[in-house]
Amino acid sequence: ARYGKRDFDRLMNDAGIIRNKLKIESAISNAKAYLALKERG
């Protein structure tokens, strides 16, 4: 959830994962959504 541009760029250059911009962005936003749900108890 705390990933910024540097992490995003790192992931986009990582051959060990699927280097898809939208999928990487969704993983980050999904982490935020998951934490928001947990914070609501």
PDB file of all heavy atoms in Angstrom:
ATOM      1  N   ALA A   1       0.820  -1.218   0.000  1.00  0.00           N
ATOM      2  CA  ALA A   1       0.000   0.000   0.000  1.00  0.00           C
ATOM      3  C   ALA A   1       0.854   1.268   0.000  1.00  0.00           C
ATOM      4  O   ALA A   1       0.399   2.333  -0.426  1.00  0.00           O
ATOM      5  CB  ALA A   1      -0.937  -0.009   1.208  1.00  0.00           C
ATOM      6  N   ARG A   2       2.099   1.149   0.471  1.00  0.00           N
ATOM      7  CA  ARG A   2       2.995   2.316   0.526  1.00  0.00           C
ATOM      8  C   ARG A   2       3.885   2.441  -0.710  1.00  0.00           C
ATOM      9  O   ARG A   2       4.699   3.365  -0.791  1.00  0.00           O
ATOM     10  CB  ARG A   2       3.886   2.240   1.779  1.00  0.00           C
ATOM     11  CG  ARG A   2       3.126   2.388   3.088  1.00  0.00           C
ATOM     12  CD  ARG A   2       4.067   2.697   4.249  1.00  0.00           C
ATOM     13  NE  ARG A   2       5.045   1.636   4.478  1.00  0.00           N
ATOM     14  CZ  ARG A   2       4.862   0.611   5.324  1.00  0.00           C
ATOM     15  NH1 ARG A   2       3.720   0.516   6.000  1.00  0.00           N
ATOM     16  NH2 ARG A   2       5.802  -0.300   5.477  1.00  0.00           N
ATOM     17  N   TYR A   3       3.727   1.544  -1.672  1.00  0.00           N
ATOM     18  CA  TYR A   3       4.548   1.611  -2.878  1.00  0.00           C
ATOM     19  C   TYR A   3       4.340   2.949  -3.600  1.00  0.00           C
ATOM     20  O   TYR A   3       3.204   3.391  -3.806  1.00  0.00           O
ATOM     21  CB  TYR A   3       4.190   0.479  -3.849  1.00  0.00           C
ATOM     22  CG  TYR A   3       4.722  -0.890  -3.488  1.00  0.00           C
ATOM     23  CD1 TYR A   3       4.419  -1.991  -4.282  1.00  0.00           C
ATOM     24  CD2 TYR A   3       5.518  -1.100  -2.374  1.00  0.00           C
ATOM     25  CE1 TYR A   3       4.895  -3.263  -3.984  1.00  0.00           C
ATOM     26  CE2 TYR A   3       6.002  -2.368  -2.061  1.00  0.00           C
ATOM     27  CZ  TYR A   3       5.683  -3.441  -2.864  1.00  0.00           C
ATOM     28  OH  TYR A   3       6.151  -4.691  -2.557  1.00  0.00           O
ATOM     29  N   GLY A   4       5.458   3.540  -4.003  1.00  0.00           N
ATOM     30  CA  GLY A   4       5.415   4.777  -4.781  1.00  0.00           C
ATOM     31  C   GLY A   4       5.965   4.543  -6.173  1.00  0.00           C
ATOM     32  O   GLY A   4       6.058   3.400  -6.643  1.00  0.00           O
ATOM     33  N   LYS A   5       6.358   5.634  -6.828  1.00  0.00           N
ATOM     34  CA  LYS A   5       6.831   5.550  -8.218  1.00  0.00           C
ATOM     35  C   LYS A   5       8.065   4.648  -8.349  1.00  0.00           C
ATOM     36  O   LYS A   5       8.176   3.887  -9.311  1.00  0.00           O
ATOM     37  CB  LYS A   5       7.142   6.948  -8.753  1.00  0.00           C
ATOM     38  CG  LYS A   5       7.487   6.938 -10.244  1.00  0.00           C
ATOM     39  CD  LYS A   5       7.793   8.311 -10.782  1.00  0.00           C
ATOM     40  CE  LYS A   5       8.005   8.271 -12.296  1.00  0.00           C
ATOM     41  NZ  LYS A   5       9.049   7.321 -12.722  1.00  0.00           N
ATOM     42  N   ARG A   6       8.973   4.732  -7.376  1.00  0.00           N
ATOM     43  CA  ARG A   6      10.188   3.918  -7.449  1.00  0.00           C
ATOM     44  C   ARG A   6       9.852   2.425  -7.443  1.00  0.00           C
ATOM     45  O   ARG A   6      10.411   1.642  -8.212  1.00  0.00           O
ATOM     46  CB  ARG A   6      11.105   4.263  -6.270  1.00  0.00           C
ATOM     47  CG  ARG A   6      12.440   3.530  -6.314  1.00  0.00           C
ATOM     48  CD  ARG A   6      13.318   3.894  -5.130  1.00  0.00           C
ATOM     49  NE  ARG A   6      13.719   5.298  -5.169  1.00  0.00           N
ATOM     50  CZ  ARG A   6      14.455   5.870  -4.234  1.00  0.00           C
ATOM     51  NH1 ARG A   6      14.857   5.173  -3.178  1.00  0.00           N
ATOM     52  NH2 ARG A   6      14.793   7.143  -4.344  1.00  0.00           N
ATOM     53  N   ASP A   7       8.904   2.037  -6.552  1.00  0.00           N
ATOM     54  CA  ASP A   7       8.487   0.627  -6.502  1.00  0.00           C
ATOM     55  C   ASP A   7       7.764   0.227  -7.776  1.00  0.00           C
ATOM     56  O   ASP A   7       7.963  -0.873  -8.292  1.00  0.00           O
ATOM     57  CB  ASP A   7       7.569   0.393  -5.294  1.00  0.00           C
ATOM     58  CG  ASP A   7       8.328   0.407  -3.989  1.00  0.00           C
ATOM     59  OD1 ASP A   7       9.140  -0.508  -3.769  1.00  0.00           O
ATOM     60  OD2 ASP A   7       8.127   1.343  -3.194  1.00  0.00           O
ATOM     61  N   PHE A   8       6.913   1.134  -8.272  1.00  0.00           N
ATOM     62  CA  PHE A   8       6.182   0.841  -9.506  1.00  0.00           C
ATOM     63  C   PHE A   8       7.165   0.598 -10.649  1.00  0.00           C
ATOM     64  O   PHE A   8       7.020  -0.368 -11.406  1.00  0.00           O
ATOM     65  CB  PHE A   8       5.228   1.985  -9.852  1.00  0.00           C
ATOM     66  CG  PHE A   8       4.472   1.770 -11.131  1.00  0.00           C
ATOM     67  CD1 PHE A   8       3.350   0.949 -11.170  1.00  0.00           C
ATOM     68  CD2 PHE A   8       4.899   2.366 -12.318  1.00  0.00           C
ATOM     69  CE1 PHE A   8       2.665   0.741 -12.364  1.00  0.00           C
ATOM     70  CE2 PHE A   8       4.219   2.157 -13.502  1.00  0.00           C
ATOM     71  CZ  PHE A   8       3.102   1.346 -13.524  1.00  0.00           C
ATOM     72  N   ASP A   9       8.161   1.470 -10.771  1.00  0.00           N
ATOM     73  CA  ASP A   9       9.169   1.312 -11.828  1.00  0.00           C
ATOM     74  C   ASP A   9       9.946   0.009 -11.644  1.00  0.00           C
ATOM     75  O   ASP A   9      10.270  -0.682 -12.616  1.00  0.00           O
ATOM     76  CB  ASP A   9      10.130   2.504 -11.820  1.00  0.00           C
ATOM     77  CG  ASP A   9       9.463   3.795 -12.278  1.00  0.00           C
ATOM     78  OD1 ASP A   9       8.389   3.716 -12.900  1.00  0.00           O
ATOM     79  OD2 ASP A   9      10.012   4.874 -11.990  1.00  0.00           O
ATOM     80  N   ARG A  10      10.256  -0.301 -10.394  1.00  0.00           N
ATOM     81  CA  ARG A  10      10.965  -1.560 -10.098  1.00  0.00           C
ATOM     82  C   ARG A  10      10.144  -2.756 -10.573  1.00  0.00           C
ATOM     83  O   ARG A  10      10.680  -3.680 -11.211  1.00  0.00           O
ATOM     84  CB  ARG A  10      11.212  -1.660  -8.581  1.00  0.00           C
ATOM     85  CG  ARG A  10      11.699  -3.026  -8.100  1.00  0.00           C
ATOM     86  CD  ARG A  10      11.932  -3.054  -6.598  1.00  0.00           C
ATOM     87  NE  ARG A  10      10.737  -2.818  -5.815  1.00  0.00           N
ATOM     88  CZ  ARG A  10       9.816  -3.746  -5.553  1.00  0.00           C
ATOM     89  NH1 ARG A  10       9.937  -4.980  -6.046  1.00  0.00           N
ATOM     90  NH2 ARG A  10       8.763  -3.467  -4.799  1.00  0.00           N
ATOM     91  N   LEU A  11       8.856  -2.739 -10.279  1.00  0.00           N
ATOM     92  CA  LEU A  11       7.975  -3.847 -10.666  1.00  0.00           C
ATOM     93  C   LEU A  11       7.819  -3.938 -12.179  1.00  0.00           C
ATOM     94  O   LEU A  11       7.783  -5.033 -12.743  1.00  0.00           O
ATOM     95  CB  LEU A  11       6.609  -3.686  -9.993  1.00  0.00           C
ATOM     96  CG  LEU A  11       6.613  -3.852  -8.470  1.00  0.00           C
ATOM     97  CD1 LEU A  11       5.311  -3.352  -7.866  1.00  0.00           C
ATOM     98  CD2 LEU A  11       6.859  -5.303  -8.074  1.00  0.00           C
ATOM     99  N   MET A  12       7.738  -2.801 -12.842  1.00  0.00           N
ATOM    100  CA  MET A  12       7.597  -2.795 -14.300  1.00  0.00           C
ATOM    101  C   MET A  12       8.837  -3.349 -14.997  1.00  0.00           C
ATOM    102  O   MET A  12       8.779  -3.751 -16.154  1.00  0.00           O
ATOM    103  CB  MET A  12       7.307  -1.372 -14.802  1.00  0.00           C
ATOM    104  CG  MET A  12       5.877  -0.916 -14.578  1.00  0.00           C
ATOM    105  SD  MET A  12       4.641  -1.878 -15.504  1.00  0.00           S
ATOM    106  CE  MET A  12       4.993  -1.394 -17.201  1.00  0.00           C
ATOM    107  N   ASN A  13       9.949  -3.375 -14.285  1.00  0.00           N
ATOM    108  CA  ASN A  13      11.195  -3.894 -14.861  1.00  0.00           C
ATOM    109  C   ASN A  13      11.562  -5.276 -14.321  1.00  0.00           C
ATOM    110  O   ASN A  13      12.649  -5.776 -14.596  1.00  0.00           O
ATOM    111  CB  ASN A  13      12.338  -2.909 -14.586  1.00  0.00           C
ATOM    112  CG  ASN A  13      12.245  -1.668 -15.444  1.00  0.00           C
ATOM    113  OD1 ASN A  13      12.387  -1.736 -16.654  1.00  0.00           O
ATOM    114  ND2 ASN A  13      11.970  -0.526 -14.825  1.00  0.00           N
ATOM    115  N   ASP A  14      10.660  -5.881 -13.559  1.00  0.00           N
ATOM    116  CA  ASP A  14      10.921  -7.179 -12.932  1.00  0.00           C
ATOM    117  C   ASP A  14      10.387  -8.311 -13.813  1.00  0.00           C
ATOM    118  O   ASP A  14       9.173  -8.507 -13.923  1.00  0.00           O
ATOM    119  CB  ASP A  14      10.260  -7.221 -11.547  1.00  0.00           C
ATOM    120  CG  ASP A  14      10.706  -8.413 -10.720  1.00  0.00           C
ATOM    121  OD1 ASP A  14      11.104  -9.441 -11.311  1.00  0.00           O
ATOM    122  OD2 ASP A  14      10.641  -8.330  -9.481  1.00  0.00           O
ATOM    123  N   ALA A  15      11.278  -9.058 -14.434  1.00  0.00           N
ATOM    124  CA  ALA A  15      10.879 -10.161 -15.326  1.00  0.00           C
ATOM    125  C   ALA A  15      10.267 -11.331 -14.558  1.00  0.00           C
ATOM    126  O   ALA A  15       9.707 -12.248 -15.160  1.00  0.00           O
ATOM    127  CB  ALA A  15      12.081 -10.638 -16.132  1.00  0.00           C
ATOM    128  N   GLY A  16      10.343 -11.290 -13.231  1.00  0.00           N
ATOM    129  CA  GLY A  16       9.801 -12.376 -12.417  1.00  0.00           C
ATOM    130  C   GLY A  16       8.300 -12.317 -12.224  1.00  0.00           C
ATOM    131  O   GLY A  16       7.707 -13.234 -11.662  1.00  0.00           O
ATOM    132  N   ILE A  17       7.682 -11.207 -12.704  1.00  0.00           N
ATOM    133  CA  ILE A  17       6.229 -11.058 -12.581  1.00  0.00           C
ATOM    134  C   ILE A  17       5.634 -10.693 -13.940  1.00  0.00           C
ATOM    135  O   ILE A  17       6.362 -10.505 -14.911  1.00  0.00           O
ATOM    136  CB  ILE A  17       5.854  -9.986 -11.534  1.00  0.00           C
ATOM    137  CG1 ILE A  17       6.311  -8.591 -12.011  1.00  0.00           C
ATOM    138  CG2 ILE A  17       6.451 -10.313 -10.171  1.00  0.00           C
ATOM    139  CD1 ILE A  17       5.750  -7.443 -11.178  1.00  0.00           C
ATOM    140  N   ILE A  18       4.314 -10.570 -13.983  1.00  0.00           N
ATOM    141  CA  ILE A  18       3.647 -10.097 -15.198  1.00  0.00           C
ATOM    142  C   ILE A  18       3.780  -8.576 -15.219  1.00  0.00           C
ATOM    143  O   ILE A  18       3.216  -7.885 -14.367  1.00  0.00           O
ATOM    144  CB  ILE A  18       2.152 -10.498 -15.216  1.00  0.00           C
ATOM    145  CG1 ILE A  18       1.991 -12.016 -15.044  1.00  0.00           C
ATOM    146  CG2 ILE A  18       1.483 -10.015 -16.505  1.00  0.00           C
ATOM    147  CD1 ILE A  18       2.661 -12.852 -16.097  1.00  0.00           C
ATOM    148  N   ARG A  19       4.524  -8.063 -16.186  1.00  0.00           N
ATOM    149  CA  ARG A  19       4.789  -6.615 -16.226  1.00  0.00           C
ATOM    150  C   ARG A  19       3.684  -5.879 -16.984  1.00  0.00           C
ATOM    151  O   ARG A  19       3.869  -5.397 -18.095  1.00  0.00           O
ATOM    152  CB  ARG A  19       6.167  -6.368 -16.826  1.00  0.00           C
ATOM    153  CG  ARG A  19       7.287  -6.848 -15.911  1.00  0.00           C
ATOM    154  CD  ARG A  19       8.647  -6.676 -16.521  1.00  0.00           C
ATOM    155  NE  ARG A  19       8.890  -7.645 -17.585  1.00  0.00           N
ATOM    156  CZ  ARG A  19      10.036  -7.761 -18.257  1.00  0.00           C
ATOM    157  NH1 ARG A  19      11.036  -6.946 -17.983  1.00  0.00           N
ATOM    158  NH2 ARG A  19      10.180  -8.677 -19.182  1.00  0.00           N
ATOM    159  N   ASN A  20       2.548  -5.816 -16.344  1.00  0.00           N
ATOM    160  CA  ASN A  20       1.383  -5.156 -16.913  1.00  0.00           C
ATOM    161  C   ASN A  20       1.035  -3.969 -16.013  1.00  0.00           C
ATOM    162  O   ASN A  20       0.783  -4.140 -14.818  1.00  0.00           O
ATOM    163  CB  ASN A  20       0.214  -6.153 -16.992  1.00  0.00           C
ATOM    164  CG  ASN A  20      -1.070  -5.530 -17.499  1.00  0.00           C
ATOM    165  OD1 ASN A  20      -1.684  -4.719 -16.805  1.00  0.00           O
ATOM    166  ND2 ASN A  20      -1.505  -5.921 -18.679  1.00  0.00           N
ATOM    167  N   LYS A  21       1.041  -2.778 -16.580  1.00  0.00           N
ATOM    168  CA  LYS A  21       0.839  -1.541 -15.826  1.00  0.00           C
ATOM    169  C   LYS A  21      -0.444  -1.589 -14.984  1.00  0.00           C
ATOM    170  O   LYS A  21      -0.440  -1.283 -13.791  1.00  0.00           O
ATOM    171  CB  LYS A  21       0.796  -0.363 -16.794  1.00  0.00           C
ATOM    172  CG  LYS A  21       0.584   1.005 -16.153  1.00  0.00           C
ATOM    173  CD  LYS A  21       0.665   2.092 -17.226  1.00  0.00           C
ATOM    174  CE  LYS A  21       0.483   3.485 -16.624  1.00  0.00           C
ATOM    175  NZ  LYS A  21      -0.911   3.760 -16.260  1.00  0.00           N
ATOM    176  N   LEU A  22      -1.547  -1.972 -15.607  1.00  0.00           N
ATOM    177  CA  LEU A  22      -2.832  -1.972 -14.904  1.00  0.00           C
ATOM    178  C   LEU A  22      -2.885  -3.012 -13.787  1.00  0.00           C
ATOM    179  O   LEU A  22      -3.459  -2.770 -12.720  1.00  0.00           O
ATOM    180  CB  LEU A  22      -3.978  -2.207 -15.892  1.00  0.00           C
ATOM    181  CG  LEU A  22      -4.201  -1.103 -16.929  1.00  0.00           C
ATOM    182  CD1 LEU A  22      -5.315  -1.496 -17.890  1.00  0.00           C
ATOM    183  CD2 LEU A  22      -4.542   0.221 -16.247  1.00  0.00           C
ATOM    184  N   LYS A  23      -2.261  -4.159 -14.032  1.00  0.00           N
ATOM    185  CA  LYS A  23      -2.258  -5.213 -13.011  1.00  0.00           C
ATOM    186  C   LYS A  23      -1.387  -4.824 -11.813  1.00  0.00           C
ATOM    187  O   LYS A  23      -1.741  -5.126 -10.670  1.00  0.00           O
ATOM    188  CB  LYS A  23      -1.797  -6.545 -13.616  1.00  0.00           C
ATOM    189  CG  LYS A  23      -2.815  -7.150 -14.574  1.00  0.00           C
ATOM    190  CD  LYS A  23      -2.322  -8.445 -15.196  1.00  0.00           C
ATOM    191  CE  LYS A  23      -3.372  -9.017 -16.140  1.00  0.00           C
ATOM    192  NZ  LYS A  23      -2.932 -10.278 -16.775  1.00  0.00           N
ATOM    193  N   ILE A  24      -0.276  -4.182 -12.077  1.00  0.00           N
ATOM    194  CA  ILE A  24       0.583  -3.726 -10.984  1.00  0.00           C
ATOM    195  C   ILE A  24      -0.113  -2.637 -10.188  1.00  0.00           C
ATOM    196  O   ILE A  24      -0.120  -2.646  -8.953  1.00  0.00           O
ATOM    197  CB  ILE A  24       1.950  -3.249 -11.531  1.00  0.00           C
ATOM    198  CG1 ILE A  24       2.748  -4.447 -12.064  1.00  0.00           C
ATOM    199  CG2 ILE A  24       2.747  -2.517 -10.453  1.00  0.00           C
ATOM    200  CD1 ILE A  24       3.994  -4.082 -12.839  1.00  0.00           C
ATOM    201  N   GLU A  25      -0.727  -1.693 -10.890  1.00  0.00           N
ATOM    202  CA  GLU A  25      -1.478  -0.626 -10.215  1.00  0.00           C
ATOM    203  C   GLU A  25      -2.613  -1.195  -9.374  1.00  0.00           C
ATOM    204  O   GLU A  25      -2.870  -0.732  -8.255  1.00  0.00           O
ATOM    205  CB  GLU A  25      -2.042   0.359 -11.243  1.00  0.00           C
ATOM    206  CG  GLU A  25      -0.997   1.261 -11.867  1.00  0.00           C
ATOM    207  CD  GLU A  25      -1.549   2.157 -12.968  1.00  0.00           C
ATOM    208  OE1 GLU A  25      -2.695   1.898 -13.441  1.00  0.00           O
ATOM    209  OE2 GLU A  25      -0.858   3.105 -13.359  1.00  0.00           O
ATOM    210  N   SER A  26      -3.276  -2.223  -9.908  1.00  0.00           N
ATOM    211  CA  SER A  26      -4.403  -2.813  -9.170  1.00  0.00           C
ATOM    212  C   SER A  26      -3.924  -3.534  -7.915  1.00  0.00           C
ATOM    213  O   SER A  26      -4.611  -3.517  -6.892  1.00  0.00           O
ATOM    214  CB  SER A  26      -5.203  -3.768 -10.068  1.00  0.00           C
ATOM    215  OG  SER A  26      -4.514  -4.988 -10.276  1.00  0.00           O
ATOM    216  N   ALA A  27      -2.759  -4.166  -7.972  1.00  0.00           N
ATOM    217  CA  ALA A  27      -2.231  -4.838  -6.773  1.00  0.00           C
ATOM    218  C   ALA A  27      -2.003  -3.827  -5.655  1.00  0.00           C
ATOM    219  O   ALA A  27      -2.304  -4.091  -4.481  1.00  0.00           O
ATOM    220  CB  ALA A  27      -0.933  -5.560  -7.114  1.00  0.00           C
ATOM    221  N   ILE A  28      -1.494  -2.656  -6.022  1.00  0.00           N
ATOM    222  CA  ILE A  28      -1.249  -1.603  -5.027  1.00  0.00           C
ATOM    223  C   ILE A  28      -2.561  -1.044  -4.491  1.00  0.00           C
ATOM    224  O   ILE A  28      -2.742  -0.904  -3.272  1.00  0.00           O
ATOM    225  CB  ILE A  28      -0.377  -0.482  -5.641  1.00  0.00           C
ATOM    226  CG1 ILE A  28       0.993  -1.040  -6.057  1.00  0.00           C
ATOM    227  CG2 ILE A  28      -0.203   0.672  -4.636  1.00  0.00           C
ATOM    228  CD1 ILE A  28       1.824  -0.097  -6.919  1.00  0.00           C
ATOM    229  N   SER A  29      -3.495  -0.754  -5.384  1.00  0.00           N
ATOM    230  CA  SER A  29      -4.783  -0.206  -4.930  1.00  0.00           C
ATOM    231  C   SER A  29      -5.586  -1.257  -4.163  1.00  0.00           C
ATOM    232  O   SER A  29      -6.313  -0.922  -3.228  1.00  0.00           O
ATOM    233  CB  SER A  29      -5.591   0.341  -6.111  1.00  0.00           C
ATOM    234  OG  SER A  29      -5.928  -0.679  -7.022  1.00  0.00           O
ATOM    235  N   ASN A  30      -5.429  -2.530  -4.525  1.00  0.00           N
ATOM    236  CA  ASN A  30      -6.129  -3.596  -3.790  1.00  0.00           C
ATOM    237  C   ASN A  30      -5.584  -3.747  -2.372  1.00  0.00           C
ATOM    238  O   ASN A  30      -6.324  -4.062  -1.445  1.00  0.00           O
ATOM    239  CB  ASN A  30      -6.018  -4.929  -4.544  1.00  0.00           C
ATOM    240  CG  ASN A  30      -6.933  -4.986  -5.754  1.00  0.00           C
ATOM    241  OD1 ASN A  30      -7.722  -4.076  -5.988  1.00  0.00           O
ATOM    242  ND2 ASN A  30      -6.830  -6.035  -6.533  1.00  0.00           N
ATOM    243  N   ALA A  31      -4.281  -3.504  -2.213  1.00  0.00           N
ATOM    244  CA  ALA A  31      -3.693  -3.543  -0.870  1.00  0.00           C
ATOM    245  C   ALA A  31      -4.306  -2.443  -0.008  1.00  0.00           C
ATOM    246  O   ALA A  31      -4.630  -2.653   1.171  1.00  0.00           O
ATOM    247  CB  ALA A  31      -2.183  -3.380  -0.949  1.00  0.00           C
ATOM    248  N   LYS A  32      -4.507  -1.287  -0.602  1.00  0.00           N
ATOM    249  CA  LYS A  32      -5.124  -0.169   0.120  1.00  0.00           C
ATOM    250  C   LYS A  32      -6.577  -0.481   0.471  1.00  0.00           C
ATOM    251  O   LYS A  32      -7.037  -0.181   1.575  1.00  0.00           O
ATOM    252  CB  LYS A  32      -5.032   1.110  -0.719  1.00  0.00           C
ATOM    253  CG  LYS A  32      -3.602   1.609  -0.899  1.00  0.00           C
ATOM    254  CD  LYS A  32      -3.539   2.791  -1.853  1.00  0.00           C
ATOM    255  CE  LYS A  32      -2.092   3.248  -2.054  1.00  0.00           C
ATOM    256  NZ  LYS A  32      -1.979   4.340  -3.057  1.00  0.00           N
ATOM    257  N   ALA A  33      -7.296  -1.085  -0.465  1.00  0.00           N
ATOM    258  CA  ALA A  33      -8.696  -1.441  -0.220  1.00  0.00           C
ATOM    259  C   ALA A  33      -8.810  -2.512   0.864  1.00  0.00           C
ATOM    260  O   ALA A  33      -9.692  -2.462   1.724  1.00  0.00           O
ATOM    261  CB  ALA A  33      -9.338  -1.941  -1.516  1.00  0.00           C
ATOM    262  N   TYR A  34      -7.886  -3.462   0.833  1.00  0.00           N
ATOM    263  CA  TYR A  34      -7.841  -4.535   1.834  1.00  0.00           C
ATOM    264  C   TYR A  34      -7.585  -3.960   3.228  1.00  0.00           C
ATOM    265  O   TYR A  34      -8.261  -4.312   4.199  1.00  0.00           O
ATOM    266  CB  TYR A  34      -6.754  -5.533   1.435  1.00  0.00           C
ATOM    267  CG  TYR A  34      -6.380  -6.551   2.477  1.00  0.00           C
ATOM    268  CD1 TYR A  34      -7.182  -7.667   2.714  1.00  0.00           C
ATOM    269  CD2 TYR A  34      -5.191  -6.427   3.206  1.00  0.00           C
ATOM    270  CE1 TYR A  34      -6.819  -8.618   3.657  1.00  0.00           C
ATOM    271  CE2 TYR A  34      -4.828  -7.376   4.145  1.00  0.00           C
ATOM    272  CZ  TYR A  34      -5.651  -8.465   4.369  1.00  0.00           C
ATOM    273  OH  TYR A  34      -5.291  -9.407   5.307  1.00  0.00           O
ATOM    274  N   LEU A  35      -6.626  -3.050   3.317  1.00  0.00           N
ATOM    275  CA  LEU A  35      -6.299  -2.446   4.614  1.00  0.00           C
ATOM    276  C   LEU A  35      -7.442  -1.567   5.120  1.00  0.00           C
ATOM    277  O   LEU A  35      -7.723  -1.540   6.322  1.00  0.00           O
ATOM    278  CB  LEU A  35      -5.010  -1.620   4.501  1.00  0.00           C
ATOM    279  CG  LEU A  35      -3.721  -2.422   4.301  1.00  0.00           C
ATOM    280  CD1 LEU A  35      -2.546  -1.474   4.105  1.00  0.00           C
ATOM    281  CD2 LEU A  35      -3.456  -3.362   5.472  1.00  0.00           C
ATOM    282  N   ALA A  36      -8.112  -0.875   4.207  1.00  0.00           N
ATOM    283  CA  ALA A  36      -9.250  -0.035   4.596  1.00  0.00           C
ATOM    284  C   ALA A  36     -10.359  -0.895   5.193  1.00  0.00           C
ATOM    285  O   ALA A  36     -10.991  -0.523   6.194  1.00  0.00           O
ATOM    286  CB  ALA A  36      -9.766   0.740   3.387  1.00  0.00           C
ATOM    287  N   LEU A  37     -10.576  -2.056   4.596  1.00  0.00           N
ATOM    288  CA  LEU A  37     -11.578  -2.996   5.102  1.00  0.00           C
ATOM    289  C   LEU A  37     -11.198  -3.475   6.502  1.00  0.00           C
ATOM    290  O   LEU A  37     -12.031  -3.511   7.415  1.00  0.00           O
ATOM    291  CB  LEU A  37     -11.698  -4.159   4.114  1.00  0.00           C
ATOM    292  CG  LEU A  37     -12.756  -5.238   4.347  1.00  0.00           C
ATOM    293  CD1 LEU A  37     -13.297  -5.727   3.014  1.00  0.00           C
ATOM    294  CD2 LEU A  37     -12.186  -6.414   5.132  1.00  0.00           C
ATOM    295  N   LYS A  38      -9.923  -3.818   6.669  1.00  0.00           N
ATOM    296  CA  LYS A  38      -9.445  -4.301   7.974  1.00  0.00           C
ATOM    297  C   LYS A  38      -9.529  -3.198   9.042  1.00  0.00           C
ATOM    298  O   LYS A  38      -9.864  -3.462  10.197  1.00  0.00           O
ATOM    299  CB  LYS A  38      -7.990  -4.778   7.853  1.00  0.00           C
ATOM    300  CG  LYS A  38      -7.772  -5.903   6.860  1.00  0.00           C
ATOM    301  CD  LYS A  38      -7.987  -7.265   7.454  1.00  0.00           C
ATOM    302  CE  LYS A  38      -6.785  -7.688   8.250  1.00  0.00           C
ATOM    303  NZ  LYS A  38      -6.967  -9.039   8.823  1.00  0.00           N
ATOM    304  N   GLU A  39      -9.227  -1.964   8.629  1.00  0.00           N
ATOM    305  CA  GLU A  39      -9.266  -0.840   9.568  1.00  0.00           C
ATOM    306  C   GLU A  39     -10.687  -0.567  10.060  1.00  0.00           C
ATOM    307  O   GLU A  39     -10.872  -0.009  11.147  1.00  0.00           O
ATOM    308  CB  GLU A  39      -8.665   0.408   8.917  1.00  0.00           C
ATOM    309  CG  GLU A  39      -7.142   0.378   8.846  1.00  0.00           C
ATOM    310  CD  GLU A  39      -6.563   1.394   7.878  1.00  0.00           C
ATOM    311  OE1 GLU A  39      -7.325   2.283   7.421  1.00  0.00           O
ATOM    312  OE2 GLU A  39      -5.358   1.300   7.578  1.00  0.00           O
ATOM    313  N   ARG A  40     -11.670  -0.961   9.255  1.00  0.00           N
ATOM    314  CA  ARG A  40     -13.073  -0.818   9.681  1.00  0.00           C
ATOM    315  C   ARG A  40     -13.489  -1.964  10.599  1.00  0.00           C
ATOM    316  O   ARG A  40     -14.655  -2.070  10.977  1.00  0.00           O
ATOM    317  CB  ARG A  40     -13.990  -0.757   8.453  1.00  0.00           C
ATOM    318  CG  ARG A  40     -13.852   0.509   7.625  1.00  0.00           C
ATOM    319  CD  ARG A  40     -14.957   0.643   6.600  1.00  0.00           C
ATOM    320  NE  ARG A  40     -14.911  -0.419   5.606  1.00  0.00           N
ATOM    321  CZ  ARG A  40     -14.243  -0.331   4.451  1.00  0.00           C
ATOM    322  NH1 ARG A  40     -13.560   0.767   4.157  1.00  0.00           N
ATOM    323  NH2 ARG A  40     -14.261  -1.327   3.578  1.00  0.00           N
ATOM    324  N   GLY A  41     -12.531  -2.832  10.913  1.00  0.00           N
ATOM    325  CA  GLY A  41     -12.820  -3.949  11.804  1.00  0.00           C
ATOM    326  C   GLY A  41     -13.441  -5.148  11.115  1.00  0.00           C
ATOM    327  O   GLY A  41     -13.946  -6.059  11.769  1.00  0.00           O
TER     328      GLY A  41
END
